[in-house]
């Protein structure tokens, strides 16, 4: 009986951690050492990415970029966005961090998990379908829904 209670407790703990992990993606630690793109300046004030941003790609994502935007499962791409300060544009304060992770279970978003984070690294609660995937579907459906390409990493 005691064994059954312990076993059920462990099972419940595992299920809880799987469900909570799926519900709120975590910003990868150490992404700043991944391959970093050139600086991008977006001056369209209607764009979600208005400002200055940098793209970071882990090793799997780097292989995806080199394969003409065909990304293997588990590829992770992080985008840091900064406010524009002054003219000419200088990096202002960081205002957003976004994660894309290749996950075939995410059927509503083309096989990608999208997550937004505040500057503190806490989830921002973005709706991935309406906030992210619409533009990715429109602008990059032929490139595995990734807008950036290997040209961004000169």
C-alpha atoms as a PDB file:
ATOM      1  CA  UNK A   1       0.000   0.000   0.000  1.00  0.00           C
ATOM      2  CA  UNK A   2       2.783   2.402   0.968  1.00  0.00           C
ATOM      3  CA  UNK A   3       4.558   1.630  -2.326  1.00  0.00           C
ATOM      4  CA  UNK A   4       1.383   2.348  -4.306  1.00  0.00           C
ATOM      5  CA  UNK A   5       0.944   5.741  -2.595  1.00  0.00           C
ATOM      6  CA  UNK A   6       4.564   6.690  -3.327  1.00  0.00           C
ATOM      7  CA  UNK A   7       4.241   5.519  -6.937  1.00  0.00           C
ATOM      8  CA  UNK A   8       1.015   7.495  -7.455  1.00  0.00           C
ATOM      9  CA  UNK A   9       2.599  10.592  -5.886  1.00  0.00           C
ATOM     10  CA  UNK A  10       5.582  10.379  -8.234  1.00  0.00           C
ATOM     11  CA  UNK A  11       3.293   9.864 -11.218  1.00  0.00           C
ATOM     12  CA  UNK A  12       1.191  12.883 -10.253  1.00  0.00           C
ATOM     13  CA  UNK A  13       4.348  14.985  -9.800  1.00  0.00           C
ATOM     14  CA  UNK A  14       5.606  13.990 -13.267  1.00  0.00           C
ATOM     15  CA  UNK A  15       2.273  14.751 -14.931  1.00  0.00           C
ATOM     16  CA  UNK A  16       2.046  18.114 -13.163  1.00  0.00           C
ATOM     17  CA  UNK A  17       5.534  19.139 -14.267  1.00  0.00           C
ATOM     18  CA  UNK A  18       4.879  18.056 -17.863  1.00  0.00           C
ATOM     19  CA  UNK A  19       1.605  19.993 -18.030  1.00  0.00           C
ATOM     20  CA  UNK A  20       3.031  23.114 -16.375  1.00  0.00           C
ATOM     21  CA  UNK A  21       6.110  22.976 -18.618  1.00  0.00           C
ATOM     22  CA  UNK A  22       3.925  22.833 -21.703  1.00  0.00           C
ATOM     23  CA  UNK A  23       1.753  25.680 -20.454  1.00  0.00           C
ATOM     24  CA  UNK A  24       4.547  28.182 -19.956  1.00  0.00           C
ATOM     25  CA  UNK A  25       7.704  27.884 -22.064  1.00  0.00           C
ATOM     26  CA  UNK A  26      10.953  28.944 -20.455  1.00  0.00           C
ATOM     27  CA  UNK A  27      13.415  31.399 -21.969  1.00  0.00           C
ATOM     28  CA  UNK A  28      16.606  29.373 -22.592  1.00  0.00           C
ATOM     29  CA  UNK A  29      19.464  30.287 -20.279  1.00  0.00           C
ATOM     30  CA  UNK A  30      22.681  31.221 -22.045  1.00  0.00           C
ATOM     31  CA  UNK A  31      21.133  32.049 -25.408  1.00  0.00           C
ATOM     32  CA  UNK A  32      23.387  35.136 -25.623  1.00  0.00           C
ATOM     33  CA  UNK A  33      26.319  32.859 -26.543  1.00  0.00           C
ATOM     34  CA  UNK A  34      24.461  31.342 -29.509  1.00  0.00           C
ATOM     35  CA  UNK A  35      25.163  32.531 -33.056  1.00  0.00           C
ATOM     36  CA  UNK A  36      24.074  36.188 -33.171  1.00  0.00           C
ATOM     37  CA  UNK A  37      22.676  38.009 -36.197  1.00  0.00           C
ATOM     38  CA  UNK A  38      23.666  41.391 -37.441  1.00  0.00           C
ATOM     39  CA  UNK A  39      21.834  44.345 -35.939  1.00  0.00           C
ATOM     40  CA  UNK A  40      18.417  44.935 -37.531  1.00  0.00           C
ATOM     41  CA  UNK A  41      16.607  48.266 -37.365  1.00  0.00           C
ATOM     42  CA  UNK A  42      12.832  48.310 -37.993  1.00  0.00           C
ATOM     43  CA  UNK A  43      11.482  51.855 -38.310  1.00  0.00           C
ATOM     44  CA  UNK A  44       7.857  50.931 -39.106  1.00  0.00           C
ATOM     45  CA  UNK A  45       6.013  52.038 -35.960  1.00  0.00           C
ATOM     46  CA  UNK A  46       3.120  49.671 -36.798  1.00  0.00           C
ATOM     47  CA  UNK A  47       5.401  46.638 -36.600  1.00  0.00           C
ATOM     48  CA  UNK A  48       5.555  44.456 -33.488  1.00  0.00           C
ATOM     49  CA  UNK A  49       9.318  44.575 -34.027  1.00  0.00           C
ATOM     50  CA  UNK A  50       9.595  48.357 -34.269  1.00  0.00           C
ATOM     51  CA  UNK A  51      13.036  49.057 -32.853  1.00  0.00           C
ATOM     52  CA  UNK A  52      16.376  47.341 -32.980  1.00  0.00           C
ATOM     53  CA  UNK A  53      16.692  43.611 -32.706  1.00  0.00           C
ATOM     54  CA  UNK A  54      19.174  40.776 -32.693  1.00  0.00           C
ATOM     55  CA  UNK A  55      18.463  37.140 -33.506  1.00  0.00           C
ATOM     56  CA  UNK A  56      20.170  34.266 -31.670  1.00  0.00           C
ATOM     57  CA  UNK A  57      20.190  30.730 -33.119  1.00  0.00           C
ATOM     58  CA  UNK A  58      21.181  27.566 -31.278  1.00  0.00           C
ATOM     59  CA  UNK A  59      23.210  24.875 -33.101  1.00  0.00           C
ATOM     60  CA  UNK A  60      20.120  23.116 -34.490  1.00  0.00           C
ATOM     61  CA  UNK A  61      18.691  26.396 -35.769  1.00  0.00           C
ATOM     62  CA  UNK A  62      22.039  27.277 -37.332  1.00  0.00           C
ATOM     63  CA  UNK A  63      21.860  24.008 -39.294  1.00  0.00           C
ATOM     64  CA  UNK A  64      18.316  24.948 -40.335  1.00  0.00           C
ATOM     65  CA  UNK A  65      19.424  28.310 -41.652  1.00  0.00           C
ATOM     66  CA  UNK A  66      22.225  26.648 -43.636  1.00  0.00           C
ATOM     67  CA  UNK A  67      19.665  24.182 -45.069  1.00  0.00           C
ATOM     68  CA  UNK A  68      17.662  27.042 -46.607  1.00  0.00           C
ATOM     69  CA  UNK A  69      15.309  27.417 -43.629  1.00  0.00           C
ATOM     70  CA  UNK A  70      14.491  23.751 -43.101  1.00  0.00           C
ATOM     71  CA  UNK A  71      14.752  23.465 -39.335  1.00  0.00           C
ATOM     72  CA  UNK A  72      15.147  20.241 -37.361  1.00  0.00           C
ATOM     73  CA  UNK A  73      12.907  19.441 -34.398  1.00  0.00           C
ATOM     74  CA  UNK A  74      14.034  21.287 -31.276  1.00  0.00           C
ATOM     75  CA  UNK A  75      15.645  24.228 -33.113  1.00  0.00           C
ATOM     76  CA  UNK A  76      15.497  27.395 -30.990  1.00  0.00           C
ATOM     77  CA  UNK A  77      15.599  31.008 -32.133  1.00  0.00           C
ATOM     78  CA  UNK A  78      15.524  33.933 -29.707  1.00  0.00           C
ATOM     79  CA  UNK A  79      14.956  37.561 -30.725  1.00  0.00           C
ATOM     80  CA  UNK A  80      15.860  40.449 -28.428  1.00  0.00           C
ATOM     81  CA  UNK A  81      14.184  43.747 -29.220  1.00  0.00           C
ATOM     82  CA  UNK A  82      15.372  47.164 -28.074  1.00  0.00           C
ATOM     83  CA  UNK A  83      13.803  50.610 -28.275  1.00  0.00           C
ATOM     84  CA  UNK A  84      15.265  53.084 -30.745  1.00  0.00           C
ATOM     85  CA  UNK A  85      17.104  55.871 -29.001  1.00  0.00           C
ATOM     86  CA  UNK A  86      18.153  58.979 -30.908  1.00  0.00           C
ATOM     87  CA  UNK A  87      18.972  59.583 -34.514  1.00  0.00           C
ATOM     88  CA  UNK A  88      20.867  57.853 -35.968  1.00  0.00           C
ATOM     89  CA  UNK A  89      19.250  54.870 -34.248  1.00  0.00           C
ATOM     90  CA  UNK A  90      21.112  53.702 -31.159  1.00  0.00           C
ATOM     91  CA  UNK A  91      20.117  50.697 -29.037  1.00  0.00           C
ATOM     92  CA  UNK A  92      17.804  51.895 -26.290  1.00  0.00           C
ATOM     93  CA  UNK A  93      16.510  49.768 -23.432  1.00  0.00           C
ATOM     94  CA  UNK A  94      15.518  46.155 -24.111  1.00  0.00           C
ATOM     95  CA  UNK A  95      11.730  45.904 -24.383  1.00  0.00           C
ATOM     96  CA  UNK A  96      10.922  42.333 -25.454  1.00  0.00           C
ATOM     97  CA  UNK A  97      12.363  38.854 -25.939  1.00  0.00           C
ATOM     98  CA  UNK A  98      10.713  36.272 -28.198  1.00  0.00           C
ATOM     99  CA  UNK A  99      11.345  32.532 -28.511  1.00  0.00           C
ATOM    100  CA  UNK A 100      10.565  30.248 -31.447  1.00  0.00           C
ATOM    101  CA  UNK A 101      11.137  26.552 -30.855  1.00  0.00           C
ATOM    102  CA  UNK A 102      10.500  23.878 -33.488  1.00  0.00           C
ATOM    103  CA  UNK A 103       7.893  21.558 -31.984  1.00  0.00           C
ATOM    104  CA  UNK A 104       5.825  19.431 -34.347  1.00  0.00           C
ATOM    105  CA  UNK A 105       3.069  19.164 -31.689  1.00  0.00           C
ATOM    106  CA  UNK A 106       2.264  22.881 -32.248  1.00  0.00           C
ATOM    107  CA  UNK A 107      -0.020  22.275 -35.221  1.00  0.00           C
ATOM    108  CA  UNK A 108      -1.881  25.602 -34.940  1.00  0.00           C
ATOM    109  CA  UNK A 109       1.402  27.482 -35.489  1.00  0.00           C
ATOM    110  CA  UNK A 110       3.087  25.504 -38.249  1.00  0.00           C
ATOM    111  CA  UNK A 111       5.075  23.232 -35.955  1.00  0.00           C
ATOM    112  CA  UNK A 112       6.596  26.073 -33.943  1.00  0.00           C
ATOM    113  CA  UNK A 113       6.137  27.088 -30.327  1.00  0.00           C
ATOM    114  CA  UNK A 114       6.098  30.881 -29.997  1.00  0.00           C
ATOM    115  CA  UNK A 115       6.585  32.608 -26.635  1.00  0.00           C
ATOM    116  CA  UNK A 116       7.105  36.215 -25.614  1.00  0.00           C
ATOM    117  CA  UNK A 117       8.940  37.400 -22.510  1.00  0.00           C
ATOM    118  CA  UNK A 118       9.364  40.695 -20.733  1.00  0.00           C
ATOM    119  CA  UNK A 119      12.794  42.146 -20.047  1.00  0.00           C
ATOM    120  CA  UNK A 120      12.723  40.274 -16.726  1.00  0.00           C
ATOM    121  CA  UNK A 121      12.506  36.943 -18.584  1.00  0.00           C
ATOM    122  CA  UNK A 122       8.969  36.237 -17.364  1.00  0.00           C
ATOM    123  CA  UNK A 123       6.317  35.090 -19.869  1.00  0.00           C
ATOM    124  CA  UNK A 124       4.448  37.999 -21.446  1.00  0.00           C
ATOM    125  CA  UNK A 125       1.311  35.972 -22.182  1.00  0.00           C
ATOM    126  CA  UNK A 126       1.292  36.512 -25.949  1.00  0.00           C
ATOM    127  CA  UNK A 127      -1.288  34.630 -27.980  1.00  0.00           C
ATOM    128  CA  UNK A 128       1.005  32.823 -30.446  1.00  0.00           C
ATOM    129  CA  UNK A 129      -1.647  32.412 -33.127  1.00  0.00           C
ATOM    130  CA  UNK A 130      -2.867  36.001 -33.320  1.00  0.00           C
ATOM    131  CA  UNK A 131       0.296  37.820 -32.252  1.00  0.00           C
ATOM    132  CA  UNK A 132       3.021  35.789 -33.979  1.00  0.00           C
ATOM    133  CA  UNK A 133       1.919  33.167 -36.438  1.00  0.00           C
ATOM    134  CA  UNK A 134      -0.213  35.382 -38.669  1.00  0.00           C
ATOM    135  CA  UNK A 135       2.835  37.334 -39.864  1.00  0.00           C
ATOM    136  CA  UNK A 136       5.047  34.247 -40.048  1.00  0.00           C
ATOM    137  CA  UNK A 137       2.426  32.481 -42.144  1.00  0.00           C
ATOM    138  CA  UNK A 138       2.032  35.491 -44.460  1.00  0.00           C
ATOM    139  CA  UNK A 139       5.735  36.366 -44.771  1.00  0.00           C
ATOM    140  CA  UNK A 140       7.560  33.036 -44.479  1.00  0.00           C
ATOM    141  CA  UNK A 141       5.309  30.046 -45.208  1.00  0.00           C
ATOM    142  CA  UNK A 142       7.808  28.838 -47.826  1.00  0.00           C
ATOM    143  CA  UNK A 143      10.727  29.135 -45.368  1.00  0.00           C
ATOM    144  CA  UNK A 144       9.403  26.910 -42.537  1.00  0.00           C
ATOM    145  CA  UNK A 145       7.633  29.977 -41.092  1.00  0.00           C
ATOM    146  CA  UNK A 146      10.952  31.621 -40.114  1.00  0.00           C
ATOM    147  CA  UNK A 147      11.221  35.183 -41.390  1.00  0.00           C
ATOM    148  CA  UNK A 148      14.983  35.502 -40.917  1.00  0.00           C
ATOM    149  CA  UNK A 149      17.445  33.678 -43.181  1.00  0.00           C
ATOM    150  CA  UNK A 150      21.138  32.790 -43.171  1.00  0.00           C
ATOM    151  CA  UNK A 151      21.796  36.218 -44.734  1.00  0.00           C
ATOM    152  CA  UNK A 152      20.979  37.751 -41.326  1.00  0.00           C
ATOM    153  CA  UNK A 153      24.037  35.995 -39.863  1.00  0.00           C
ATOM    154  CA  UNK A 154      26.921  37.370 -41.944  1.00  0.00           C
END
